[in-house]
Amino acid sequence: MAKIVGLIGDSIGHGFFDHEDLGWFARLGKQILCNYSEAYFFNNLSQAGDNIADTAFRATSEVLSRKFDLLLVSTGINDLRRRKMCNLELDFSAGAREMYWNKLLDILSLTGAQIVVTDLLPIIEKRYAPQATLIRRNSDVEDYNKQISKICAERQIKFFARYPRWQRRDLEKLYFDAIHPNEIGHKMIAEEVYDYLQKEKLLTAEKLTYEHE
């Protein structure tokens, strides 16, 4: 029987600014189907603009009403907006973020699916226009990744960390704006997620083979 892979996240998961109209999750699906027999279906539940609270609330209706074997979670960047001209607290305090992440993972765990949480990628801070009032900072991303990683470790949920590797890359070639990947970035994310799933032996379907005469 075919297995179902799902993604719940925000605009990056939705595939914004991939000019081939795929996004990394659709690219991941194509890569999986190229290497495995017709054993997987894919369901992208990502929604542009979602923060961790939105993701948790949507999971109740959109995830629990469906069957999944593998669930990818890629959300959180919209929790980190700051006012540019002052050091006001983030939209979500650390305590609020922890509460909603635990709520989300409680809901997803009810599906019985294998869960993989991805970290947040770096920001190109200089891409924010001088007139921008809301910005994000890499220091906040780093702190948040540590927090999400800790929550996942406590719950024995897989956490795919990519931030240090991406920080060393030329993001100018991989991003459309300050936070969204372009088609090259989406392709790279798909390849890395695929390699991670292979490494963790999470793609267990029969591999596609061809007979040569």
Protein backbone atom coordinates (compact mmCIF):
# COMPACT_ATOMS: atom_id res chain seq x y z
CA MET A 1 0.00 0.00 0.00
CA ALA A 2 1.25 3.49 -0.84
CA LYS A 3 2.58 5.58 2.02
CA ILE A 4 1.68 9.22 2.54
CA VAL A 5 4.21 11.95 3.22
CA GLY A 6 2.90 15.28 4.52
CA LEU A 7 4.35 18.71 5.17
CA ILE A 8 2.92 21.36 7.46
CA GLY A 9 4.58 24.76 7.48
CA ASP A 10 4.55 28.31 6.14
CA SER A 11 5.28 30.08 2.83
CA ILE A 12 8.69 28.45 2.47
CA GLY A 13 7.06 25.03 2.68
CA HIS A 14 4.33 26.24 0.35
CA GLY A 15 6.99 26.92 -2.27
CA PHE A 16 6.86 30.69 -2.65
CA PHE A 17 9.32 32.19 -5.17
CA ASP A 18 10.20 28.92 -6.86
CA HIS A 19 9.75 30.14 -10.44
CA GLU A 20 9.10 26.59 -11.58
CA ASP A 21 6.02 26.56 -9.31
CA LEU A 22 7.17 23.50 -7.41
CA GLY A 23 8.74 24.40 -4.09
CA TRP A 24 11.04 22.11 -2.18
CA PHE A 25 8.32 19.68 -1.09
CA ALA A 26 7.12 18.97 -4.63
CA ARG A 27 10.75 18.65 -5.71
CA LEU A 28 11.29 16.19 -2.85
CA GLY A 29 8.29 14.20 -4.01
CA LYS A 30 9.63 13.98 -7.54
CA GLN A 31 13.01 12.81 -6.26
CA ILE A 32 11.44 10.12 -4.06
CA LEU A 33 9.29 8.83 -6.92
CA CYS A 34 12.30 8.72 -9.23
CA ASN A 35 14.02 6.31 -6.87
CA TYR A 36 11.17 4.31 -5.41
CA SER A 37 8.37 2.33 -6.92
CA GLU A 38 4.94 3.97 -6.94
CA ALA A 39 4.76 3.71 -3.18
CA TYR A 40 4.28 7.29 -1.99
CA PHE A 41 1.68 10.02 -2.13
CA PHE A 42 2.32 13.59 -0.99
CA ASN A 43 0.15 16.16 0.78
CA ASN A 44 1.36 19.73 1.37
CA LEU A 45 -0.59 21.47 4.15
CA SER A 46 1.65 24.54 4.37
CA GLN A 47 0.05 27.97 4.53
CA ALA A 48 1.77 31.28 3.81
CA GLY A 49 1.99 33.60 6.78
CA ASP A 50 1.46 30.94 9.43
CA ASN A 51 3.22 31.27 12.75
CA ILE A 52 3.61 28.44 15.26
CA ALA A 53 0.19 29.13 16.81
CA ASP A 54 -1.50 29.04 13.39
CA THR A 55 0.29 25.80 12.54
CA ALA A 56 -0.78 24.17 15.80
CA PHE A 57 -4.43 25.18 15.41
CA ARG A 58 -4.59 24.13 11.75
CA ALA A 59 -3.05 20.76 12.57
CA THR A 60 -6.13 19.83 14.58
CA SER A 61 -8.43 19.91 11.57
CA GLU A 62 -6.10 19.42 8.62
CA VAL A 63 -3.73 16.75 9.92
CA LEU A 64 -5.93 14.66 12.20
CA SER A 65 -8.53 14.30 9.43
CA ARG A 66 -5.96 12.65 7.14
CA LYS A 67 -3.68 9.63 7.26
CA PHE A 68 0.09 10.10 7.21
CA ASP A 69 3.04 7.77 7.50
CA LEU A 70 5.68 10.51 7.54
CA LEU A 71 5.11 14.13 8.59
CA LEU A 72 7.61 16.91 7.93
CA VAL A 73 7.31 20.09 10.00
CA SER A 74 8.88 23.30 8.74
CA THR A 75 7.59 26.38 10.50
CA GLY A 76 8.63 29.16 12.87
CA ILE A 77 10.22 31.97 10.87
CA ASN A 78 7.07 34.09 11.22
CA ASP A 79 7.42 33.96 15.00
CA LEU A 80 10.59 36.08 14.93
CA ARG A 81 9.59 39.51 13.71
CA ARG A 82 11.02 42.51 15.57
CA ARG A 83 10.46 46.24 15.35
CA LYS A 84 13.50 47.60 13.55
CA MET A 85 14.08 50.71 15.63
CA CYS A 86 13.82 49.19 19.09
CA ASN A 87 14.45 45.96 20.95
CA LEU A 88 10.85 45.07 21.70
CA GLU A 89 10.10 41.46 22.55
CA LEU A 90 9.34 39.14 19.65
CA ASP A 91 5.78 38.40 18.54
CA PHE A 92 6.01 35.19 20.59
CA SER A 93 7.96 34.98 23.82
CA ALA A 94 10.14 31.92 24.39
CA GLY A 95 7.50 30.57 26.76
CA ALA A 96 4.70 31.00 24.23
CA ARG A 97 6.78 29.35 21.50
CA GLU A 98 7.47 26.36 23.74
CA MET A 99 3.79 26.01 24.59
CA TYR A 100 2.66 26.05 20.95
CA TRP A 101 5.43 23.73 19.77
CA ASN A 102 4.43 21.18 22.39
CA LYS A 103 0.78 21.61 21.42
CA LEU A 104 1.63 21.05 17.76
CA LEU A 105 3.75 17.97 18.46
CA ASP A 106 1.06 16.57 20.76
CA ILE A 107 -1.43 16.82 17.89
CA LEU A 108 0.91 15.38 15.27
CA SER A 109 1.85 12.48 17.55
CA LEU A 110 -1.79 11.36 17.56
CA THR A 111 -1.43 10.39 13.90
CA GLY A 112 1.12 7.68 14.66
CA ALA A 113 3.25 9.03 11.81
CA GLN A 114 7.03 9.38 11.93
CA ILE A 115 7.70 13.09 12.56
CA VAL A 116 10.69 15.07 11.30
CA VAL A 117 11.12 18.72 12.29
CA THR A 118 13.44 20.92 10.22
CA ASP A 119 15.29 23.88 11.67
CA LEU A 120 15.01 27.47 10.45
CA LEU A 121 17.46 28.65 7.80
CA PRO A 122 19.59 31.82 8.01
CA ILE A 123 18.32 35.26 7.05
CA ILE A 124 19.98 37.77 4.74
CA GLU A 125 19.57 40.68 7.13
CA LYS A 126 20.95 43.27 4.72
CA ARG A 127 18.13 42.49 2.29
CA TYR A 128 15.64 44.36 4.46
CA ALA A 129 14.88 47.73 2.89
CA PRO A 130 15.88 50.88 4.85
CA GLN A 131 12.19 51.74 5.28
CA ALA A 132 11.29 48.30 6.66
CA THR A 133 9.70 48.44 10.10
CA LEU A 134 9.58 44.71 10.81
CA ILE A 135 12.74 42.63 10.50
CA ARG A 136 14.19 39.29 11.61
CA ARG A 137 17.62 38.63 13.05
CA ASN A 138 19.90 35.62 12.73
CA SER A 139 20.65 35.75 16.45
CA ASP A 140 16.96 35.09 17.11
CA VAL A 141 16.94 32.26 14.55
CA GLU A 142 19.90 30.61 16.27
CA ASP A 143 18.24 30.83 19.69
CA TYR A 144 14.97 29.49 18.31
CA ASN A 145 16.66 26.55 16.60
CA LYS A 146 18.24 25.60 19.93
CA GLN A 147 14.85 25.79 21.60
CA ILE A 148 13.10 23.67 18.96
CA SER A 149 15.96 21.15 19.00
CA LYS A 150 15.64 20.82 22.79
CA ILE A 151 11.88 20.28 22.59
CA CYS A 152 12.33 17.61 19.93
CA ALA A 153 15.09 15.87 21.91
CA GLU A 154 12.90 15.74 25.02
CA ARG A 155 10.13 14.14 22.96
CA GLN A 156 12.47 11.86 20.97
CA ILE A 157 11.39 13.47 17.70
CA LYS A 158 13.85 13.73 14.83
CA PHE A 159 15.29 17.21 14.23
CA PHE A 160 17.07 18.00 10.97
CA ALA A 161 19.63 20.78 11.62
CA ARG A 162 20.88 22.68 8.56
CA TYR A 163 21.57 26.22 9.78
CA PRO A 164 25.39 26.04 10.22
CA ARG A 165 25.85 24.54 6.76
CA TRP A 166 23.59 27.12 5.11
CA GLN A 167 25.26 29.97 6.98
CA ARG A 168 28.49 29.17 5.13
CA ARG A 169 26.83 29.31 1.71
CA ASP A 170 26.39 32.24 -0.66
CA LEU A 171 22.78 32.95 0.21
CA GLU A 172 22.61 35.75 -2.35
CA LYS A 173 22.45 33.03 -5.01
CA LEU A 174 19.93 30.91 -3.11
CA TYR A 175 17.35 33.43 -1.86
CA PHE A 176 14.68 35.54 -3.52
CA ASP A 177 14.50 38.01 -0.62
CA ALA A 178 15.62 38.07 3.01
CA ILE A 179 14.05 34.74 4.02
CA HIS A 180 12.55 32.92 1.02
CA PRO A 181 14.62 30.56 -1.15
CA ASN A 182 14.53 30.93 -4.92
CA GLU A 183 14.24 27.92 -7.23
CA ILE A 184 17.92 27.04 -6.65
CA GLY A 185 17.42 27.20 -2.89
CA HIS A 186 14.25 25.08 -3.06
CA LYS A 187 16.10 22.48 -5.11
CA MET A 188 18.91 22.37 -2.55
CA ILE A 189 16.47 21.98 0.35
CA ALA A 190 14.73 19.10 -1.43
CA GLU A 191 18.04 17.31 -2.04
CA GLU A 192 19.15 17.74 1.57
CA VAL A 193 15.83 16.55 3.00
CA TYR A 194 15.89 13.55 0.67
CA ASP A 195 19.44 12.66 1.76
CA TYR A 196 18.41 13.02 5.42
CA LEU A 197 15.39 10.74 4.98
CA GLN A 198 17.62 8.18 3.29
CA LYS A 199 20.25 8.42 6.01
CA GLU A 200 17.63 7.94 8.73
CA LYS A 201 16.08 5.04 6.79
CA LEU A 202 12.69 6.73 6.69
CA LEU A 203 12.03 5.83 3.05
CA THR A 204 11.34 2.15 3.42
CA ALA A 205 9.33 1.35 0.31
CA GLU A 206 10.56 -1.15 -2.25
CA LYS A 207 13.14 0.51 -4.45
CA LEU A 208 12.34 0.82 -8.14
CA THR A 209 14.41 -1.54 -10.28
CA TYR A 210 14.66 -2.02 -14.02
CA GLU A 211 15.40 -5.22 -15.87
CA HIS A 212 17.88 -4.92 -18.71
CA GLU A 213 17.59 -7.37 -21.57
